[in-house]
Amino acid sequence: MASAYTLEQHNVAVETIKQRVRDFHSRKIPFRVYHGATNATRTIDHQVDRVVDTSTLNHVLSFDHERKTCIVQPNVPMDDFVDATLPQGLFPPVVPEFPGITVGGAFSGTGGESSSFKYGFFDRSVNWVDIVLADGELVRASKEKNPDLYNAAVGACGTFGVTVLFEVQLIPATTFVETTYVPTSDPPNAIATIQAAVDSNEYDFIDGIQFSSTLGVIVLGKFSNATPTSSTPVQRFTRAFDQWFVLHSEAKARSTLAFWDSSKGLSDSVPSSSDKSDINVAELAAKSAKDLVPVRDYVFRYDRGAFWMGLYAFSMFWWMPFNRFTRFLLDPLLRTRKMYEALHHSGNHQTFIVQDLALPASRCAGFVDWVTDNMPTYPLWYCPLRADATALMHRTKQSADLLRAAEAAGPSTDEGARLTAVANELLINVGVWAPGRKVARPGESLGRQEMRRRNFTPADLAKFVEDNRALEAAVYTRGGTKWLYAATFYTEAEFWSHYDAERYHEMRRKWRAEGLPSMWDKVRPREGFKEGDGEFWSIVKAAMGKDHLLGGQGLLQRDLLGLNALKRKKLQ
């Protein structure tokens, strides 16, 4: 149920935020917003005296059951949001997979998950948002009211103002997600299976994992209130002793393939086609392993182990075996909130390739082939996304140009419709997450020692930048885009050539946001290497709740920020 926190209390907090923003605006001081946490892998530093603290805006205020909506503040994390909605019989249409991602972060960043092929990004379920502009004015934006501000703020990393309140559209909840694990072979077959599943209109959730060049799994989900059976048992993923989802799904894919191979007449069904029209998803799903996953466990199934990135944490500690007992023992440290903190404290975020890259479905297989040839790394994650060319920072320069051409041709003409369809083609997100490659050095041992980030040399870092720049170029030349929670390696000219810079700056001028950091200010590469604390001490700091955003300060030191800083100013 909604918290006891009232709208009146919210208004008081917002008034204080407005005053602090006005103070910065009057003194022409650029500021950043402190949310209390981040799921970004970019290097982020906050100057304590140039911060607006919104970390206390973390409440679900109310529900409207008739309209299936709720009023929620920006710093409500996804696990608290889901825990508030489920008792109401309601559920967010799109829930980003990590529980620490906040409502505001999913709107101002990029919030896509396995239901996004159906509902779009998280922001598409936001009916309206209240934003404190750079001069302290409070404005409400929606698809109907101030729609240009609404579409500009989506995915713009807070560069149009400070979000302080949302109305989110919800859908009816069920007890389970019936989860089916369809094995696939090479990347073209996996991508074609995803496209066939999307076209079938039978599923509520679709994503996939490519474990190797010859084995993948497409995970299909349907909301369900079914009764568990021996063939469709209940399977959980959020408890310390549960299996990691990535390991469970691989086991299910392999067991299904073994069953197909051993069953007369089914061996011909082993997937191979790269043409979606040749793939009968319903037939494949009927022969594949299934679980009933409690809906909360489903949406946070990747939290433990952060997909498979937790495996690399074990590689850094060569003496620690990777097995179910050690995963149980270290479970509190292997959930994404702690892993993000440890990643930043250690400095290892500067040496891991962590990129989510969205490609038009028709060009995705070619991109994966490029990844395999140029930086061979598995697993890879697939997630189909409904393109949304109305959101300014979710569209590429190419899609913006296509939409302008469609407008010029006339939206109702055949050519206008064709261009619009191309601009809004289904996207497939490819998650490329792995340690950066090192330059081979004579006499250096391979294996586990190779994974130790502290051994990176200037030559290794140069190779890391080179690989990331090549990855960015491979995405751009195929009409794709990357999500900007991750580190970027563009030059400023390259960055703005990839996005609709003209429209972005026009909107910044109109909504008086030019005093705020721009998108480039937020995502530009930082010079040099920021030394970390080493693997051991980074884990200690994460376990103690030390905040990398504030230079290692813990929770008790947040009084240096925001409201208390403003109170001290008033007392002077």
Protein backbone atom coordinates (compact mmCIF):
# COMPACT_ATOMS: atom_id res chain seq x y z
CA MET A 1 0.00 0.00 0.00
CA ALA A 2 1.01 3.64 -0.37
CA SER A 3 3.13 5.16 2.39
CA ALA A 4 1.87 7.54 5.08
CA TYR A 5 3.92 10.25 3.41
CA THR A 6 1.45 12.88 2.20
CA LEU A 7 1.21 15.15 -0.80
CA GLU A 8 1.55 18.11 1.57
CA GLN A 9 4.91 16.76 2.79
CA HIS A 10 5.94 16.26 -0.80
CA ASN A 11 5.07 19.87 -1.66
CA VAL A 12 7.20 21.15 1.24
CA ALA A 13 10.17 19.08 0.04
CA VAL A 14 9.71 20.31 -3.54
CA GLU A 15 9.57 23.92 -2.38
CA THR A 16 12.94 23.46 -0.70
CA ILE A 17 14.37 21.96 -3.89
CA LYS A 18 13.00 24.89 -5.90
CA GLN A 19 14.68 27.34 -3.53
CA ARG A 20 18.03 25.60 -3.85
CA VAL A 21 17.74 25.52 -7.66
CA ARG A 22 16.84 29.22 -7.72
CA ASP A 23 19.89 29.95 -5.56
CA PHE A 24 22.21 28.18 -8.00
CA HIS A 25 20.45 29.87 -10.94
CA SER A 26 20.81 33.34 -9.47
CA ARG A 27 24.54 32.78 -8.91
CA LYS A 28 24.95 31.14 -12.34
CA ILE A 29 26.41 28.01 -10.77
CA PRO A 30 25.83 24.73 -12.63
CA PHE A 31 24.65 21.93 -10.37
CA ARG A 32 24.03 18.21 -10.41
CA VAL A 33 21.32 16.15 -8.76
CA TYR A 34 22.20 13.65 -6.02
CA HIS A 35 19.75 10.75 -6.02
CA GLY A 36 21.52 8.58 -3.46
CA ALA A 37 22.44 5.79 -5.89
CA THR A 38 23.17 5.12 -9.53
CA ASN A 39 23.23 2.22 -11.97
CA ALA A 40 25.47 4.11 -14.36
CA THR A 41 28.90 2.68 -15.17
CA ARG A 42 30.27 6.07 -16.23
CA THR A 43 32.75 7.78 -13.90
CA ILE A 44 30.63 10.19 -11.83
CA ASP A 45 31.84 12.72 -9.29
CA HIS A 46 29.73 15.20 -7.36
CA GLN A 47 30.98 18.44 -5.83
CA VAL A 48 29.19 18.59 -2.49
CA ASP A 49 28.59 22.34 -2.69
CA ARG A 50 27.05 22.08 -6.18
CA VAL A 51 24.41 19.43 -5.59
CA VAL A 52 20.63 19.40 -5.28
CA ASP A 53 19.71 16.50 -3.01
CA THR A 54 16.52 14.66 -3.99
CA SER A 55 17.36 11.40 -2.22
CA THR A 56 14.46 11.77 0.25
CA LEU A 57 11.88 11.80 -2.57
CA ASN A 58 11.44 8.04 -2.28
CA HIS A 59 7.75 7.41 -1.56
CA VAL A 60 4.75 5.95 -3.36
CA LEU A 61 2.02 8.46 -2.51
CA SER A 62 -1.30 7.06 -3.74
CA PHE A 63 -3.20 4.73 -6.09
CA ASP A 64 -6.21 5.25 -8.33
CA HIS A 65 -7.66 1.77 -8.81
CA GLU A 66 -10.27 2.85 -11.32
CA ARG A 67 -7.68 4.40 -13.63
CA LYS A 68 -4.97 1.88 -12.64
CA THR A 69 -2.44 4.61 -11.88
CA CYS A 70 -0.20 5.61 -8.99
CA ILE A 71 1.56 8.77 -7.89
CA VAL A 72 5.22 8.10 -7.13
CA GLN A 73 8.33 10.11 -6.35
CA PRO A 74 11.47 9.79 -8.49
CA ASN A 75 13.79 7.99 -6.06
CA VAL A 76 11.54 5.01 -5.41
CA PRO A 77 13.63 1.99 -6.45
CA MET A 78 12.02 -0.68 -8.59
CA ASP A 79 11.85 -3.30 -5.83
CA ASP A 80 9.98 -0.90 -3.53
CA PHE A 81 7.76 0.14 -6.43
CA VAL A 82 6.84 -3.45 -7.26
CA ASP A 83 6.32 -4.26 -3.56
CA ALA A 84 3.91 -1.32 -3.31
CA THR A 85 1.92 -2.17 -6.46
CA LEU A 86 1.51 -5.96 -6.11
CA PRO A 87 -0.70 -5.82 -2.97
CA GLN A 88 -2.96 -3.49 -4.96
CA GLY A 89 -3.33 -6.15 -7.68
CA LEU A 90 -1.42 -3.89 -10.05
CA PHE A 91 1.95 -3.95 -11.74
CA PRO A 92 4.17 -1.62 -13.81
CA PRO A 93 4.11 -2.59 -17.51
CA VAL A 94 7.91 -2.26 -17.71
CA VAL A 95 10.19 -3.04 -14.76
CA PRO A 96 13.94 -2.57 -15.38
CA GLU A 97 15.73 -5.71 -14.26
CA PHE A 98 17.85 -4.31 -11.41
CA PRO A 99 15.92 -3.50 -8.21
CA GLY A 100 18.02 -0.40 -7.42
CA ILE A 101 17.03 1.42 -10.63
CA THR A 102 14.64 4.19 -9.63
CA VAL A 103 11.48 5.52 -11.23
CA GLY A 104 13.24 8.78 -12.04
CA GLY A 105 16.32 6.98 -13.32
CA ALA A 106 14.24 4.79 -15.63
CA PHE A 107 12.58 7.91 -17.05
CA SER A 108 15.61 10.20 -17.30
CA GLY A 109 17.94 7.38 -18.29
CA THR A 110 16.79 4.44 -20.37
CA GLY A 111 14.49 1.83 -18.82
CA GLY A 112 13.92 -1.11 -21.13
CA GLU A 113 13.27 -4.73 -20.27
CA SER A 114 11.74 -7.91 -21.66
CA SER A 115 8.25 -6.38 -21.89
CA SER A 116 9.50 -3.37 -23.86
CA PHE A 117 8.75 -4.93 -27.26
CA LYS A 118 5.10 -4.63 -26.18
CA TYR A 119 4.95 -1.51 -24.00
CA GLY A 120 8.02 0.44 -25.09
CA PHE A 121 10.50 1.90 -22.62
CA PHE A 122 9.54 2.62 -19.03
CA ASP A 123 8.82 6.27 -19.85
CA ARG A 124 5.92 5.28 -22.13
CA SER A 125 3.97 4.24 -19.01
CA VAL A 126 4.53 7.66 -17.40
CA ASN A 127 1.34 9.71 -17.82
CA TRP A 128 2.90 12.92 -16.55
CA VAL A 129 5.99 14.19 -14.75
CA ASP A 130 6.60 17.26 -12.59
CA ILE A 131 9.94 18.93 -13.37
CA VAL A 132 11.70 21.76 -11.55
CA LEU A 133 13.32 23.74 -14.36
CA ALA A 134 16.78 25.26 -14.11
CA ASP A 135 15.36 28.59 -12.91
CA GLY A 136 13.27 26.94 -10.15
CA GLU A 137 9.89 26.95 -11.91
CA LEU A 138 7.77 23.81 -11.41
CA VAL A 139 6.24 22.52 -14.68
CA ARG A 140 4.06 19.49 -15.43
CA ALA A 141 4.78 17.70 -18.72
CA SER A 142 2.87 14.89 -20.40
CA LYS A 143 2.09 13.56 -23.86
CA GLU A 144 -0.73 16.16 -24.02
CA LYS A 145 0.58 19.06 -21.90
CA ASN A 146 4.00 20.45 -22.78
CA PRO A 147 4.68 17.35 -24.91
CA ASP A 148 7.90 18.80 -26.32
CA LEU A 149 9.36 19.05 -22.80
CA TYR A 150 8.11 15.55 -21.97
CA ASN A 151 9.74 14.01 -25.05
CA ALA A 152 12.92 16.03 -24.59
CA ALA A 153 13.33 15.03 -20.92
CA VAL A 154 13.00 11.29 -21.64
CA GLY A 155 16.45 9.71 -21.62
CA ALA A 156 18.12 13.14 -21.26
CA CYS A 157 19.84 12.37 -17.92
CA GLY A 158 18.27 15.30 -16.08
CA THR A 159 19.57 17.94 -18.47
CA PHE A 160 16.18 19.70 -18.65
CA GLY A 161 15.51 19.93 -14.93
CA VAL A 162 14.92 17.99 -11.73
CA THR A 163 12.09 15.45 -11.84
CA VAL A 164 10.12 15.42 -8.58
CA LEU A 165 6.85 13.49 -9.16
CA PHE A 166 5.32 11.01 -11.61
CA GLU A 167 1.97 9.48 -12.43
CA VAL A 168 2.60 5.96 -13.73
CA GLN A 169 0.11 3.82 -15.63
CA LEU A 170 -0.21 0.27 -14.25
CA ILE A 171 -1.68 -3.02 -15.49
CA PRO A 172 -3.41 -5.89 -13.65
CA ALA A 173 -0.99 -8.19 -11.83
CA THR A 174 -0.87 -11.98 -11.81
CA THR A 175 0.80 -14.43 -9.44
CA PHE A 176 3.30 -15.91 -11.89
CA VAL A 177 5.06 -15.47 -15.18
CA GLU A 178 4.95 -18.74 -17.14
CA THR A 179 8.51 -18.86 -18.41
CA THR A 180 9.52 -20.99 -21.42
CA TYR A 181 13.16 -21.64 -22.38
CA VAL A 182 13.44 -22.14 -26.15
CA PRO A 183 16.92 -23.30 -27.24
CA THR A 184 18.50 -21.67 -30.28
CA SER A 185 21.71 -22.19 -32.18
CA ASP A 186 23.79 -19.36 -33.67
CA PRO A 187 23.04 -15.62 -33.32
CA PRO A 188 21.07 -15.30 -36.61
CA ASN A 189 18.78 -18.12 -35.45
CA ALA A 190 18.33 -16.55 -32.00
CA ILE A 191 17.48 -13.14 -33.47
CA ALA A 192 15.05 -14.66 -35.98
CA THR A 193 13.36 -16.56 -33.13
CA ILE A 194 12.95 -13.30 -31.20
CA GLN A 195 11.38 -11.64 -34.25
CA ALA A 196 9.01 -14.57 -34.77
CA ALA A 197 7.99 -14.47 -31.09
CA VAL A 198 7.32 -10.71 -31.27
CA ASP A 199 5.26 -11.15 -34.44
CA SER A 200 3.16 -13.91 -32.83
CA ASN A 201 1.62 -11.45 -30.30
CA GLU A 202 1.41 -14.36 -27.84
CA TYR A 203 3.85 -13.26 -25.17
CA ASP A 204 4.18 -10.60 -22.47
CA PHE A 205 7.96 -10.94 -22.06
CA ILE A 206 10.76 -11.85 -24.49
CA ASP A 207 14.52 -11.81 -24.02
CA GLY A 208 17.44 -14.11 -24.74
CA ILE A 209 21.01 -15.08 -23.93
CA GLN A 210 23.64 -16.18 -26.44
CA PHE A 211 25.96 -18.46 -24.46
CA SER A 212 28.29 -19.28 -27.35
CA SER A 213 28.42 -19.14 -31.14
CA THR A 214 26.33 -22.35 -31.25
CA LEU A 215 24.00 -22.15 -28.23
CA GLY A 216 21.45 -19.61 -27.12
CA VAL A 217 18.12 -19.50 -25.33
CA ILE A 218 15.10 -17.30 -25.96
CA VAL A 219 13.06 -16.85 -22.79
CA LEU A 220 9.34 -16.35 -23.41
CA GLY A 221 7.04 -15.17 -20.63
CA LYS A 222 3.28 -14.97 -20.15
CA PHE A 223 1.40 -13.55 -17.18
CA SER A 224 -0.28 -16.50 -15.44
CA ASN A 225 -2.40 -17.51 -12.46
CA ALA A 226 -1.99 -21.21 -13.29
CA THR A 227 -1.64 -23.97 -10.72
CA PRO A 228 1.89 -25.45 -10.58
CA THR A 229 2.33 -28.97 -11.98
CA SER A 230 5.22 -31.42 -12.25
CA SER A 231 5.89 -30.26 -15.80
CA THR A 232 5.54 -26.58 -14.89
CA PRO A 233 6.96 -26.20 -11.37
CA VAL A 234 7.45 -23.03 -9.36
CA GLN A 235 10.98 -21.68 -9.75
CA ARG A 236 12.42 -18.77 -7.77
CA PHE A 237 15.53 -16.63 -8.31
CA THR A 238 15.68 -13.98 -5.57
CA ARG A 239 16.64 -16.05 -2.49
CA ALA A 240 20.27 -16.64 -1.52
CA PHE A 241 20.07 -20.39 -2.16
CA ASP A 242 18.28 -20.09 -5.53
CA GLN A 243 20.22 -20.72 -8.72
CA TRP A 244 21.33 -17.69 -10.72
CA PHE A 245 18.93 -17.17 -13.61
CA VAL A 246 21.65 -17.22 -16.25
CA LEU A 247 22.86 -20.64 -15.04
CA HIS A 248 19.31 -21.98 -14.74
CA SER A 249 18.33 -20.87 -18.24
CA GLU A 250 21.42 -22.43 -19.80
CA ALA A 251 20.70 -25.71 -18.02
CA LYS A 252 17.10 -25.64 -19.25
CA ALA A 253 18.21 -24.99 -22.84
CA ARG A 254 20.73 -27.83 -22.75
CA SER A 255 18.26 -30.28 -21.20
CA THR A 256 15.67 -29.42 -23.84
CA LEU A 257 18.19 -29.94 -26.64
CA ALA A 258 19.20 -33.29 -25.10
CA PHE A 259 15.52 -34.31 -25.02
CA TRP A 260 15.04 -33.28 -28.64
CA ASP A 261 18.13 -35.22 -29.71
CA SER A 262 17.02 -38.37 -27.89
CA SER A 263 13.39 -38.27 -29.07
CA LYS A 264 12.58 -39.89 -32.36
CA GLY A 265 11.16 -37.44 -34.84
CA LEU A 266 12.22 -34.37 -32.87
CA SER A 267 15.83 -34.10 -33.98
CA ASP A 268 14.71 -32.23 -37.09
CA SER A 269 13.27 -29.54 -34.80
CA VAL A 270 16.68 -28.44 -33.51
CA PRO A 271 16.69 -24.75 -34.48
CA SER A 272 18.86 -23.52 -37.31
CA SER A 273 16.90 -21.12 -39.54
CA SER A 274 17.80 -17.44 -39.69
CA ASP A 275 14.49 -16.59 -41.40
CA LYS A 276 11.75 -15.72 -38.94
CA SER A 277 9.07 -16.93 -41.37
CA ASP A 278 10.50 -20.46 -41.08
CA ILE A 279 10.24 -20.54 -37.28
CA ASN A 280 7.12 -21.88 -35.58
CA VAL A 281 7.52 -20.42 -32.10
CA ALA A 282 4.39 -22.08 -30.72
CA GLU A 283 5.68 -25.51 -31.78
CA LEU A 284 9.12 -24.88 -30.28
CA ALA A 285 7.63 -23.52 -27.05
CA ALA A 286 5.37 -26.56 -26.67
CA LYS A 287 8.44 -28.82 -26.68
CA SER A 288 10.57 -26.63 -24.38
CA ALA A 289 11.04 -26.58 -20.60
CA LYS A 290 8.76 -24.32 -18.58
CA ASP A 291 8.62 -22.81 -15.08
CA LEU A 292 6.10 -20.77 -13.14
CA VAL A 293 8.15 -17.90 -11.76
CA PRO A 294 6.59 -15.58 -9.13
CA VAL A 295 6.21 -12.25 -10.87
CA ARG A 296 8.58 -10.41 -8.49
CA ASP A 297 11.24 -13.10 -8.96
CA TYR A 298 10.82 -12.86 -12.71
CA VAL A 299 11.37 -9.11 -13.03
CA PHE A 300 14.44 -9.20 -10.73
CA ARG A 301 15.78 -12.52 -12.01
CA TYR A 302 19.08 -10.97 -13.07
CA ASP A 303 19.78 -9.16 -9.79
CA ARG A 304 21.82 -11.93 -8.21
CA GLY A 305 25.07 -12.09 -10.15
CA ALA A 306 24.16 -9.04 -12.29
CA PHE A 307 23.36 -11.28 -15.26
CA TRP A 308 26.75 -13.10 -15.40
CA MET A 309 29.07 -10.28 -14.31
CA GLY A 310 29.35 -11.80 -10.84
CA LEU A 311 31.38 -14.59 -12.42
CA TYR A 312 34.19 -12.11 -13.11
CA ALA A 313 34.24 -11.11 -9.45
CA PHE A 314 35.17 -14.70 -8.63
CA SER A 315 37.87 -14.61 -11.28
CA MET A 316 39.57 -11.71 -9.51
CA PHE A 317 39.88 -13.82 -6.36
CA TRP A 318 41.58 -16.85 -7.90
CA TRP A 319 41.47 -18.83 -4.64
CA MET A 320 37.65 -18.62 -4.36
CA PRO A 321 35.80 -21.50 -6.09
CA PHE A 322 32.70 -20.66 -8.13
CA ASN A 323 29.98 -23.02 -6.92
CA ARG A 324 26.52 -22.92 -5.41
CA PHE A 325 27.83 -22.84 -1.83
CA THR A 326 30.16 -19.86 -2.38
CA ARG A 327 27.41 -18.03 -4.27
CA PHE A 328 25.11 -18.64 -1.28
CA LEU A 329 27.78 -17.53 1.19
CA LEU A 330 28.58 -14.31 -0.69
CA ASP A 331 25.04 -13.59 -1.84
CA PRO A 332 24.69 -10.18 -0.11
CA LEU A 333 27.75 -8.96 -2.06
CA LEU A 334 26.63 -10.48 -5.37
CA ARG A 335 23.46 -8.45 -5.77
CA THR A 336 23.53 -5.50 -8.11
CA ARG A 337 23.36 -2.69 -5.54
CA LYS A 338 26.57 -3.87 -3.84
CA MET A 339 28.21 -4.87 -7.10
CA TYR A 340 27.73 -1.39 -8.58
CA GLU A 341 29.26 0.21 -5.49
CA ALA A 342 32.21 -2.21 -5.49
CA LEU A 343 32.70 -1.72 -9.23
CA HIS A 344 33.08 2.05 -8.79
CA HIS A 345 35.15 1.91 -5.58
CA SER A 346 37.60 -0.48 -7.25
CA GLY A 347 37.93 1.60 -10.41
CA ASN A 348 37.12 -1.50 -12.44
CA HIS A 349 34.26 0.25 -14.23
CA GLN A 350 37.05 1.84 -16.28
CA THR A 351 38.37 -1.53 -17.47
CA PHE A 352 35.17 -3.49 -18.18
CA ILE A 353 33.21 -3.20 -21.40
CA VAL A 354 29.64 -2.64 -20.18
CA GLN A 355 27.55 -1.49 -23.12
CA ASP A 356 23.89 -1.87 -24.12
CA LEU A 357 23.53 -1.34 -27.84
CA ALA A 358 20.23 -1.18 -29.73
CA LEU A 359 20.21 -2.23 -33.38
CA PRO A 360 17.40 -2.36 -35.94
CA ALA A 361 16.33 -6.01 -35.97
CA SER A 362 17.23 -6.39 -39.65
CA ARG A 363 20.86 -5.44 -38.92
CA CYS A 364 21.33 -7.05 -35.53
CA ALA A 365 22.74 -10.39 -36.72
CA GLY A 366 25.39 -8.59 -38.73
CA PHE A 367 26.38 -6.59 -35.68
CA VAL A 368 26.68 -9.70 -33.51
CA ASP A 369 28.85 -11.26 -36.21
CA TRP A 370 31.08 -8.18 -36.01
CA VAL A 371 31.33 -8.51 -32.21
CA THR A 372 32.23 -12.20 -32.55
CA ASP A 373 34.92 -11.45 -35.14
CA ASN A 374 36.45 -8.40 -33.48
CA MET A 375 36.07 -8.84 -29.74
CA PRO A 376 34.89 -12.40 -29.20
CA THR A 377 32.98 -12.46 -25.97
CA TYR A 378 30.06 -14.50 -24.70
CA PRO A 379 27.47 -14.49 -23.22
CA LEU A 380 25.51 -11.73 -24.94
CA TRP A 381 22.04 -10.52 -23.94
CA TYR A 382 19.19 -9.90 -26.39
CA CYS A 383 16.13 -7.80 -25.60
CA PRO A 384 13.61 -6.65 -28.24
CA LEU A 385 12.43 -3.05 -27.85
CA ARG A 386 9.58 -1.14 -29.41
CA ALA A 387 11.23 1.86 -31.01
CA ASP A 388 10.00 5.28 -29.96
CA ALA A 389 11.09 8.02 -32.32
CA THR A 390 9.15 10.67 -30.38
CA ALA A 391 11.63 10.59 -27.45
CA LEU A 392 14.45 12.93 -28.40
CA MET A 393 17.38 11.02 -26.86
CA HIS A 394 16.00 7.59 -27.78
CA ARG A 395 16.24 8.29 -31.50
CA THR A 396 19.31 8.41 -33.65
CA LYS A 397 20.19 11.15 -36.10
CA GLN A 398 19.26 8.70 -38.88
CA SER A 399 15.78 8.07 -37.47
CA ALA A 400 15.26 11.80 -36.93
CA ASP A 401 16.16 12.46 -40.58
CA LEU A 402 13.77 9.68 -41.68
CA LEU A 403 10.93 11.24 -39.68
CA ARG A 404 11.59 14.66 -41.19
CA ALA A 405 11.54 13.09 -44.66
CA ALA A 406 8.27 11.32 -43.81
CA GLU A 407 6.78 14.62 -42.67
CA ALA A 408 7.89 16.28 -45.89
CA ALA A 409 6.44 13.45 -47.99
CA GLY A 410 3.18 13.57 -46.04
CA PRO A 411 2.47 11.11 -43.21
CA SER A 412 -0.61 9.75 -45.02
CA THR A 413 1.25 9.00 -48.27
CA ASP A 414 2.76 5.61 -49.06
CA GLU A 415 6.26 7.05 -48.95
CA GLY A 416 5.61 8.84 -45.65
CA ALA A 417 4.24 5.64 -44.12
CA ARG A 418 7.24 3.66 -45.41
CA LEU A 419 9.77 6.11 -43.96
CA THR A 420 7.94 6.21 -40.63
CA ALA A 421 7.92 2.40 -40.45
CA VAL A 422 11.68 2.29 -41.11
CA ALA A 423 12.29 4.90 -38.40
CA ASN A 424 10.24 2.85 -35.95
CA GLU A 425 11.61 -0.60 -36.83
CA LEU A 426 11.81 -3.10 -33.97
CA LEU A 427 15.10 -2.70 -32.11
CA ILE A 428 17.04 -5.51 -30.49
CA ASN A 429 19.23 -4.54 -27.58
CA VAL A 430 22.54 -6.42 -27.44
CA GLY A 431 24.22 -6.41 -24.03
CA VAL A 432 28.01 -6.62 -24.40
CA TRP A 433 29.41 -6.98 -20.88
CA ALA A 434 32.88 -8.39 -20.31
CA PRO A 435 36.37 -7.52 -19.06
CA GLY A 436 38.37 -5.32 -21.39
CA ARG A 437 41.01 -7.13 -23.41
CA LYS A 438 44.67 -6.74 -22.56
CA VAL A 439 47.59 -6.31 -24.91
CA ALA A 440 49.52 -9.57 -25.03
CA ARG A 441 52.84 -9.25 -23.15
CA PRO A 442 55.71 -11.71 -23.26
CA GLY A 443 55.89 -13.95 -20.25
CA GLU A 444 52.48 -12.96 -18.82
CA SER A 445 50.35 -15.85 -17.62
CA LEU A 446 46.81 -16.13 -18.89
CA GLY A 447 43.68 -17.40 -17.12
CA ARG A 448 42.57 -15.94 -13.83
CA GLN A 449 45.45 -13.48 -13.52
CA GLU A 450 44.31 -11.93 -16.81
CA MET A 451 41.07 -10.91 -15.13
CA ARG A 452 42.76 -8.84 -12.41
CA ARG A 453 42.00 -5.23 -13.29
CA ARG A 454 44.88 -3.76 -11.26
CA ASN A 455 47.34 -5.23 -13.80
CA PHE A 456 46.09 -2.86 -16.53
CA THR A 457 48.94 -0.88 -18.10
CA PRO A 458 48.73 2.29 -20.22
CA ALA A 459 48.92 0.06 -23.31
CA ASP A 460 46.03 -2.04 -21.99
CA LEU A 461 43.95 1.08 -21.37
CA ALA A 462 44.68 2.32 -24.88
CA LYS A 463 43.46 -1.03 -26.22
CA PHE A 464 40.35 -0.74 -24.04
CA VAL A 465 39.51 2.68 -25.50
CA GLU A 466 40.21 1.41 -29.01
CA ASP A 467 37.84 -1.54 -28.57
CA ASN A 468 35.07 0.66 -27.18
CA ARG A 469 35.42 3.19 -29.99
CA ALA A 470 35.28 0.41 -32.56
CA LEU A 471 32.14 -0.92 -30.86
CA GLU A 472 30.50 2.52 -30.96
CA ALA A 473 31.35 2.90 -34.64
CA ALA A 474 29.99 -0.55 -35.48
CA VAL A 475 26.67 0.37 -33.86
CA TYR A 476 26.40 3.75 -35.57
CA THR A 477 27.18 2.47 -39.07
CA ARG A 478 24.32 -0.03 -38.69
CA GLY A 479 21.79 2.63 -37.70
CA GLY A 480 21.83 1.75 -34.01
CA THR A 481 22.35 3.61 -30.76
CA LYS A 482 23.81 3.03 -27.33
CA TRP A 483 22.32 3.72 -23.94
CA LEU A 484 24.10 6.47 -22.09
CA TYR A 485 24.24 4.95 -18.61
CA ALA A 486 27.51 3.48 -19.89
CA ALA A 487 30.88 5.10 -20.53
CA THR A 488 31.20 6.84 -23.88
CA PHE A 489 34.33 7.22 -25.96
CA TYR A 490 33.10 9.62 -28.64
CA THR A 491 34.64 12.97 -29.38
CA GLU A 492 32.15 15.80 -28.84
CA ALA A 493 31.63 16.19 -32.61
CA GLU A 494 31.03 12.45 -32.98
CA PHE A 495 28.56 12.41 -30.10
CA TRP A 496 26.37 15.19 -31.45
CA SER A 497 26.49 13.75 -34.97
CA HIS A 498 24.74 10.64 -33.63
CA TYR A 499 21.81 12.48 -32.06
CA ASP A 500 19.35 15.17 -33.08
CA ALA A 501 21.55 17.94 -31.73
CA GLU A 502 19.60 20.74 -33.42
CA ARG A 503 16.33 19.76 -31.75
CA TYR A 504 18.01 19.05 -28.39
CA HIS A 505 19.61 22.49 -28.17
CA GLU A 506 16.42 24.14 -29.40
CA MET A 507 14.49 22.51 -26.55
CA ARG A 508 17.20 23.49 -24.03
CA ARG A 509 16.81 27.12 -25.06
CA LYS A 510 13.02 27.02 -24.97
CA TRP A 511 12.88 25.44 -21.49
CA ARG A 512 15.68 27.61 -20.08
CA ALA A 513 17.92 24.63 -19.36
CA GLU A 514 21.18 26.02 -20.74
CA GLY A 515 22.52 26.63 -17.23
CA LEU A 516 22.36 22.89 -16.52
CA PRO A 517 25.03 20.41 -17.62
CA SER A 518 24.31 19.20 -21.16
CA MET A 519 24.18 15.58 -22.30
CA TRP A 520 27.77 15.92 -23.46
CA ASP A 521 28.80 17.29 -20.05
CA LYS A 522 27.17 14.25 -18.45
CA VAL A 523 28.62 11.54 -20.67
CA ARG A 524 31.92 12.91 -22.01
CA PRO A 525 34.98 10.73 -21.42
CA ARG A 526 36.97 11.69 -18.33
CA GLU A 527 40.66 12.31 -18.78
CA GLY A 528 43.04 9.83 -17.23
CA PHE A 529 42.46 6.80 -15.07
CA LYS A 530 40.81 7.20 -11.68
CA GLU A 531 42.67 4.95 -9.28
CA GLY A 532 40.43 2.68 -7.27
CA ASP A 533 40.74 1.00 -3.89
CA GLY A 534 41.55 -2.50 -5.13
CA GLU A 535 39.17 -5.43 -5.16
CA PHE A 536 39.25 -6.27 -1.44
CA TRP A 537 38.76 -2.77 -0.06
CA SER A 538 36.15 -1.94 -2.69
CA ILE A 539 34.06 -4.85 -1.40
CA VAL A 540 34.56 -3.69 2.20
CA LYS A 541 33.43 -0.16 1.32
CA ALA A 542 30.40 -1.43 -0.59
CA ALA A 543 29.45 -3.68 2.34
CA MET A 544 29.73 -0.70 4.72
CA GLY A 545 27.45 1.45 2.58
CA LYS A 546 30.16 3.87 1.46
CA ASP A 547 28.88 6.06 -1.35
CA HIS A 548 31.23 6.37 -4.35
CA LEU A 549 29.23 9.36 -5.63
CA LEU A 550 30.32 11.40 -2.61
CA GLY A 551 33.93 10.31 -2.60
CA GLY A 552 33.36 7.35 -0.27
CA GLN A 553 31.09 9.02 2.27
CA GLY A 554 28.61 6.75 4.00
CA LEU A 555 24.92 7.16 4.61
CA LEU A 556 25.45 9.13 7.81
CA GLN A 557 27.39 11.80 5.95
CA ARG A 558 24.61 12.78 3.56
CA ASP A 559 23.80 15.77 5.76
CA LEU A 560 26.52 17.58 3.81
CA LEU A 561 24.00 17.84 0.99
CA GLY A 562 20.72 19.33 -0.03
CA LEU A 563 18.22 20.41 2.58
CA ASN A 564 20.66 20.63 5.48
CA ALA A 565 23.14 22.60 3.42
CA LEU A 566 20.34 25.03 2.59
CA LYS A 567 19.36 25.31 6.27
CA ARG A 568 22.93 26.19 7.23
CA LYS A 569 22.99 28.86 4.54
CA LYS A 570 19.84 30.41 6.00
CA LEU A 571 21.39 30.48 9.49
CA GLN A 572 24.48 32.36 8.32
